[in-house]
Amino acid sequence: MSKSRANLTYREFQEICAQDSPPEKLNPLLTAMWHDFRGDWDTAHSIAQDIPDSDGSWVHAYLHRKEGDQANASYWYSRAGRSKPEISLEQEWEQISRVLIEMY
């Protein structure tokens, strides 16, 4: 992709998620979201747990929510400064991805 990551759109990110591997220069948290989209929870979790800021905690929380570990998810939502959402996992995946795209 010739566009810089700063110009990445949500639609382009969806197209990236259909590719066999993420671009090397994709932000680590978007790479975690890519792995989650592709069904690789373990790799997504490994990436998210190594990012100690609130965005890393948010992705980490989402992943534990998806896993079904609600107590652990609640802890990580708290670390992220967020409440556990009342939306579907798919909606949260999109919400997180859109926010991360805007930030990076």
N, C-alpha and C. Protein backbone atom coordinates (compact mmCIF):
# COMPACT_ATOMS: atom_id res chain seq x y z
N MET A 1 0.85 -1.17 0.00
CA MET A 1 0.00 0.00 0.00
C MET A 1 0.89 1.24 0.00
N SER A 2 0.63 2.16 -0.89
CA SER A 2 1.50 3.32 -1.02
C SER A 2 1.13 4.44 -0.04
N LYS A 3 -0.07 4.41 0.51
CA LYS A 3 -0.45 5.45 1.45
C LYS A 3 0.31 5.29 2.76
N SER A 4 0.56 6.40 3.42
CA SER A 4 1.17 6.31 4.73
C SER A 4 0.13 5.78 5.71
N ARG A 5 0.57 5.23 6.81
CA ARG A 5 -0.36 4.69 7.81
C ARG A 5 -1.29 5.78 8.33
N ALA A 6 -0.82 7.03 8.37
CA ALA A 6 -1.65 8.12 8.87
C ALA A 6 -2.87 8.33 8.00
N ASN A 7 -2.80 7.92 6.75
CA ASN A 7 -3.90 8.11 5.83
C ASN A 7 -4.75 6.86 5.66
N LEU A 8 -4.54 5.85 6.48
CA LEU A 8 -5.29 4.61 6.41
C LEU A 8 -6.75 4.87 6.76
N THR A 9 -7.66 4.34 5.97
CA THR A 9 -9.08 4.44 6.28
C THR A 9 -9.57 3.11 6.85
N TYR A 10 -10.75 3.15 7.45
CA TYR A 10 -11.32 1.92 7.98
C TYR A 10 -11.54 0.91 6.86
N ARG A 11 -12.02 1.37 5.74
CA ARG A 11 -12.25 0.48 4.58
C ARG A 11 -10.94 -0.17 4.15
N GLU A 12 -9.87 0.60 4.09
CA GLU A 12 -8.56 0.04 3.72
C GLU A 12 -8.10 -0.97 4.76
N PHE A 13 -8.37 -0.68 6.02
CA PHE A 13 -7.99 -1.64 7.06
C PHE A 13 -8.77 -2.94 6.90
N GLN A 14 -10.03 -2.84 6.55
CA GLN A 14 -10.82 -4.05 6.29
C GLN A 14 -10.20 -4.85 5.15
N GLU A 15 -9.74 -4.17 4.12
CA GLU A 15 -9.09 -4.84 3.00
C GLU A 15 -7.78 -5.50 3.44
N ILE A 16 -7.04 -4.82 4.31
CA ILE A 16 -5.81 -5.40 4.85
C ILE A 16 -6.13 -6.68 5.62
N CYS A 17 -7.24 -6.67 6.34
CA CYS A 17 -7.63 -7.85 7.13
C CYS A 17 -7.93 -9.05 6.24
N ALA A 18 -8.20 -8.84 4.98
CA ALA A 18 -8.45 -9.94 4.04
C ALA A 18 -7.15 -10.50 3.46
N GLN A 19 -6.04 -9.81 3.71
CA GLN A 19 -4.75 -10.26 3.19
C GLN A 19 -4.17 -11.36 4.07
N ASP A 20 -3.24 -12.12 3.52
CA ASP A 20 -2.64 -13.25 4.23
C ASP A 20 -1.71 -12.83 5.37
N SER A 21 -1.21 -11.62 5.32
CA SER A 21 -0.35 -11.12 6.39
C SER A 21 -0.51 -9.61 6.49
N PRO A 22 -0.31 -9.07 7.70
CA PRO A 22 -0.43 -7.62 7.84
C PRO A 22 0.80 -6.92 7.29
N PRO A 23 0.66 -5.68 6.84
CA PRO A 23 1.83 -4.92 6.40
C PRO A 23 2.83 -4.77 7.55
N GLU A 24 4.10 -4.79 7.24
CA GLU A 24 5.14 -4.70 8.27
C GLU A 24 5.06 -3.41 9.07
N LYS A 25 4.67 -2.32 8.45
CA LYS A 25 4.68 -1.02 9.12
C LYS A 25 3.35 -0.68 9.78
N LEU A 26 2.44 -1.63 9.87
CA LEU A 26 1.16 -1.38 10.53
C LEU A 26 1.40 -1.22 12.03
N ASN A 27 0.72 -0.26 12.64
CA ASN A 27 0.83 -0.03 14.07
C ASN A 27 0.61 -1.34 14.83
N PRO A 28 1.36 -1.59 15.91
CA PRO A 28 1.23 -2.86 16.63
C PRO A 28 -0.20 -3.18 17.10
N LEU A 29 -0.93 -2.19 17.58
CA LEU A 29 -2.28 -2.48 18.04
C LEU A 29 -3.22 -2.80 16.88
N LEU A 30 -3.03 -2.15 15.75
CA LEU A 30 -3.81 -2.53 14.57
C LEU A 30 -3.40 -3.92 14.09
N THR A 31 -2.13 -4.25 14.26
CA THR A 31 -1.68 -5.60 13.93
C THR A 31 -2.37 -6.61 14.85
N ALA A 32 -2.51 -6.27 16.13
CA ALA A 32 -3.24 -7.15 17.05
C ALA A 32 -4.69 -7.32 16.60
N MET A 33 -5.31 -6.23 16.18
CA MET A 33 -6.69 -6.31 15.70
C MET A 33 -6.77 -7.15 14.43
N TRP A 34 -5.76 -7.05 13.56
CA TRP A 34 -5.69 -7.86 12.35
C TRP A 34 -5.66 -9.34 12.73
N HIS A 35 -4.79 -9.69 13.68
CA HIS A 35 -4.70 -11.09 14.11
C HIS A 35 -6.01 -11.57 14.71
N ASP A 36 -6.66 -10.72 15.50
CA ASP A 36 -7.95 -11.11 16.07
C ASP A 36 -8.97 -11.35 14.96
N PHE A 37 -9.01 -10.45 14.00
CA PHE A 37 -9.94 -10.60 12.87
C PHE A 37 -9.72 -11.92 12.15
N ARG A 38 -8.46 -12.32 12.05
CA ARG A 38 -8.09 -13.55 11.34
C ARG A 38 -8.24 -14.80 12.21
N GLY A 39 -8.71 -14.61 13.44
CA GLY A 39 -8.96 -15.75 14.32
C GLY A 39 -7.77 -16.19 15.15
N ASP A 40 -6.73 -15.37 15.21
CA ASP A 40 -5.53 -15.71 15.97
C ASP A 40 -5.53 -14.91 17.27
N TRP A 41 -6.37 -15.34 18.20
CA TRP A 41 -6.51 -14.65 19.48
C TRP A 41 -5.19 -14.61 20.23
N ASP A 42 -4.46 -15.71 20.24
CA ASP A 42 -3.21 -15.79 21.01
C ASP A 42 -2.19 -14.74 20.58
N THR A 43 -2.00 -14.58 19.28
CA THR A 43 -1.04 -13.58 18.80
C THR A 43 -1.55 -12.18 19.11
N ALA A 44 -2.85 -11.94 18.90
CA ALA A 44 -3.43 -10.63 19.21
C ALA A 44 -3.21 -10.31 20.69
N HIS A 45 -3.45 -11.27 21.55
CA HIS A 45 -3.29 -11.08 22.98
C HIS A 45 -1.83 -10.82 23.34
N SER A 46 -0.93 -11.57 22.74
CA SER A 46 0.49 -11.41 23.00
C SER A 46 0.95 -9.99 22.66
N ILE A 47 0.46 -9.45 21.57
CA ILE A 47 0.81 -8.08 21.17
C ILE A 47 0.22 -7.07 22.16
N ALA A 48 -1.08 -7.20 22.43
CA ALA A 48 -1.77 -6.23 23.28
C ALA A 48 -1.21 -6.19 24.69
N GLN A 49 -0.89 -7.35 25.24
CA GLN A 49 -0.42 -7.37 26.63
C GLN A 49 0.95 -6.74 26.80
N ASP A 50 1.67 -6.56 25.70
CA ASP A 50 2.99 -5.93 25.76
C ASP A 50 2.95 -4.43 25.53
N ILE A 51 1.75 -3.86 25.39
CA ILE A 51 1.62 -2.41 25.18
C ILE A 51 0.95 -1.83 26.41
N PRO A 52 1.73 -1.15 27.27
CA PRO A 52 1.25 -0.77 28.60
C PRO A 52 0.38 0.48 28.68
N ASP A 53 0.06 1.09 27.56
CA ASP A 53 -0.76 2.31 27.63
C ASP A 53 -2.25 1.97 27.62
N SER A 54 -3.09 3.00 27.68
CA SER A 54 -4.54 2.78 27.76
C SER A 54 -5.09 2.12 26.50
N ASP A 55 -4.51 2.39 25.34
CA ASP A 55 -4.98 1.75 24.11
C ASP A 55 -4.67 0.25 24.13
N GLY A 56 -3.48 -0.09 24.59
CA GLY A 56 -3.13 -1.50 24.73
C GLY A 56 -4.05 -2.19 25.72
N SER A 57 -4.38 -1.50 26.80
CA SER A 57 -5.30 -2.06 27.80
C SER A 57 -6.70 -2.25 27.22
N TRP A 58 -7.12 -1.33 26.35
CA TRP A 58 -8.44 -1.44 25.73
C TRP A 58 -8.50 -2.68 24.83
N VAL A 59 -7.50 -2.84 23.99
CA VAL A 59 -7.47 -4.02 23.12
C VAL A 59 -7.39 -5.28 23.98
N HIS A 60 -6.58 -5.25 25.01
CA HIS A 60 -6.44 -6.38 25.93
C HIS A 60 -7.79 -6.71 26.57
N ALA A 61 -8.51 -5.69 27.00
CA ALA A 61 -9.84 -5.89 27.60
C ALA A 61 -10.80 -6.53 26.61
N TYR A 62 -10.85 -5.99 25.41
CA TYR A 62 -11.72 -6.54 24.36
C TYR A 62 -11.41 -8.02 24.14
N LEU A 63 -10.13 -8.35 24.07
CA LEU A 63 -9.75 -9.75 23.81
C LEU A 63 -10.21 -10.67 24.94
N HIS A 64 -10.09 -10.22 26.20
CA HIS A 64 -10.57 -11.05 27.30
C HIS A 64 -12.10 -11.13 27.32
N ARG A 65 -12.75 -10.07 26.92
CA ARG A 65 -14.21 -10.11 26.79
C ARG A 65 -14.59 -11.15 25.73
N LYS A 66 -13.88 -11.13 24.63
CA LYS A 66 -14.15 -12.08 23.55
C LYS A 66 -13.88 -13.51 24.02
N GLU A 67 -12.84 -13.68 24.80
CA GLU A 67 -12.47 -14.99 25.33
C GLU A 67 -13.54 -15.51 26.30
N GLY A 68 -14.29 -14.59 26.90
CA GLY A 68 -15.30 -14.98 27.88
C GLY A 68 -14.85 -14.80 29.31
N ASP A 69 -13.66 -14.27 29.51
CA ASP A 69 -13.11 -14.04 30.85
C ASP A 69 -13.53 -12.62 31.29
N GLN A 70 -14.76 -12.52 31.78
CA GLN A 70 -15.33 -11.21 32.06
C GLN A 70 -14.63 -10.48 33.21
N ALA A 71 -14.17 -11.23 34.21
CA ALA A 71 -13.47 -10.58 35.33
C ALA A 71 -12.17 -9.96 34.85
N ASN A 72 -11.42 -10.68 34.06
CA ASN A 72 -10.17 -10.16 33.52
C ASN A 72 -10.45 -9.00 32.57
N ALA A 73 -11.49 -9.13 31.77
CA ALA A 73 -11.87 -8.03 30.87
C ALA A 73 -12.18 -6.77 31.66
N SER A 74 -12.94 -6.92 32.74
CA SER A 74 -13.31 -5.76 33.56
C SER A 74 -12.06 -5.07 34.11
N TYR A 75 -11.10 -5.86 34.55
CA TYR A 75 -9.84 -5.30 35.05
C TYR A 75 -9.17 -4.46 33.97
N TRP A 76 -9.07 -5.00 32.75
CA TRP A 76 -8.37 -4.28 31.69
C TRP A 76 -9.16 -3.09 31.18
N TYR A 77 -10.50 -3.16 31.18
CA TYR A 77 -11.29 -1.97 30.84
C TYR A 77 -11.00 -0.87 31.85
N SER A 78 -10.90 -1.24 33.12
CA SER A 78 -10.57 -0.27 34.16
C SER A 78 -9.21 0.36 33.90
N ARG A 79 -8.22 -0.46 33.56
CA ARG A 79 -6.87 0.05 33.25
C ARG A 79 -6.90 0.98 32.04
N ALA A 80 -7.83 0.71 31.13
CA ALA A 80 -7.95 1.54 29.93
C ALA A 80 -8.75 2.82 30.19
N GLY A 81 -9.37 2.91 31.37
CA GLY A 81 -10.21 4.07 31.68
C GLY A 81 -11.54 4.02 30.96
N ARG A 82 -12.03 2.81 30.72
CA ARG A 82 -13.28 2.62 29.98
C ARG A 82 -14.20 1.68 30.73
N SER A 83 -15.48 1.79 30.45
CA SER A 83 -16.46 0.85 30.97
C SER A 83 -16.62 -0.29 29.99
N LYS A 84 -16.98 -1.46 30.52
CA LYS A 84 -17.24 -2.59 29.63
C LYS A 84 -18.45 -2.23 28.76
N PRO A 85 -18.33 -2.32 27.44
CA PRO A 85 -19.40 -1.87 26.56
C PRO A 85 -20.59 -2.82 26.54
N GLU A 86 -21.70 -2.28 26.15
CA GLU A 86 -22.94 -3.04 26.00
C GLU A 86 -23.24 -3.27 24.52
N ILE A 87 -22.20 -3.39 23.71
CA ILE A 87 -22.36 -3.61 22.28
C ILE A 87 -21.79 -4.98 21.93
N SER A 88 -22.05 -5.43 20.72
CA SER A 88 -21.53 -6.73 20.30
C SER A 88 -20.01 -6.68 20.16
N LEU A 89 -19.40 -7.84 20.17
CA LEU A 89 -17.95 -7.91 19.95
C LEU A 89 -17.58 -7.35 18.59
N GLU A 90 -18.40 -7.62 17.59
CA GLU A 90 -18.12 -7.10 16.25
C GLU A 90 -18.16 -5.58 16.24
N GLN A 91 -19.13 -5.01 16.93
CA GLN A 91 -19.22 -3.56 17.00
C GLN A 91 -18.04 -2.96 17.76
N GLU A 92 -17.62 -3.64 18.82
CA GLU A 92 -16.47 -3.14 19.56
C GLU A 92 -15.19 -3.25 18.74
N TRP A 93 -15.03 -4.36 18.00
CA TRP A 93 -13.86 -4.50 17.13
C TRP A 93 -13.79 -3.32 16.17
N GLU A 94 -14.93 -2.99 15.56
CA GLU A 94 -14.95 -1.86 14.63
C GLU A 94 -14.64 -0.55 15.35
N GLN A 95 -15.23 -0.34 16.52
CA GLN A 95 -15.00 0.89 17.28
C GLN A 95 -13.52 1.05 17.62
N ILE A 96 -12.91 0.00 18.14
CA ILE A 96 -11.50 0.06 18.49
C ILE A 96 -10.66 0.33 17.25
N SER A 97 -10.93 -0.40 16.18
CA SER A 97 -10.16 -0.24 14.95
C SER A 97 -10.26 1.19 14.43
N ARG A 98 -11.47 1.74 14.42
CA ARG A 98 -11.65 3.12 13.93
C ARG A 98 -10.87 4.12 14.79
N VAL A 99 -10.91 3.96 16.10
CA VAL A 99 -10.18 4.87 16.98
C VAL A 99 -8.68 4.74 16.75
N LEU A 100 -8.18 3.52 16.66
CA LEU A 100 -6.75 3.31 16.44
C LEU A 100 -6.31 3.88 15.09
N ILE A 101 -7.12 3.72 14.07
CA ILE A 101 -6.80 4.27 12.75
C ILE A 101 -6.68 5.79 12.82
N GLU A 102 -7.60 6.42 13.52
CA GLU A 102 -7.57 7.87 13.65
C GLU A 102 -6.34 8.35 14.41
N MET A 103 -5.89 7.56 15.37
CA MET A 103 -4.76 7.96 16.20
C MET A 103 -3.43 7.76 15.49
N TYR A 104 -3.37 6.77 14.64
CA TYR A 104 -2.10 6.42 14.03
C TYR A 104 -2.20 6.62 12.56
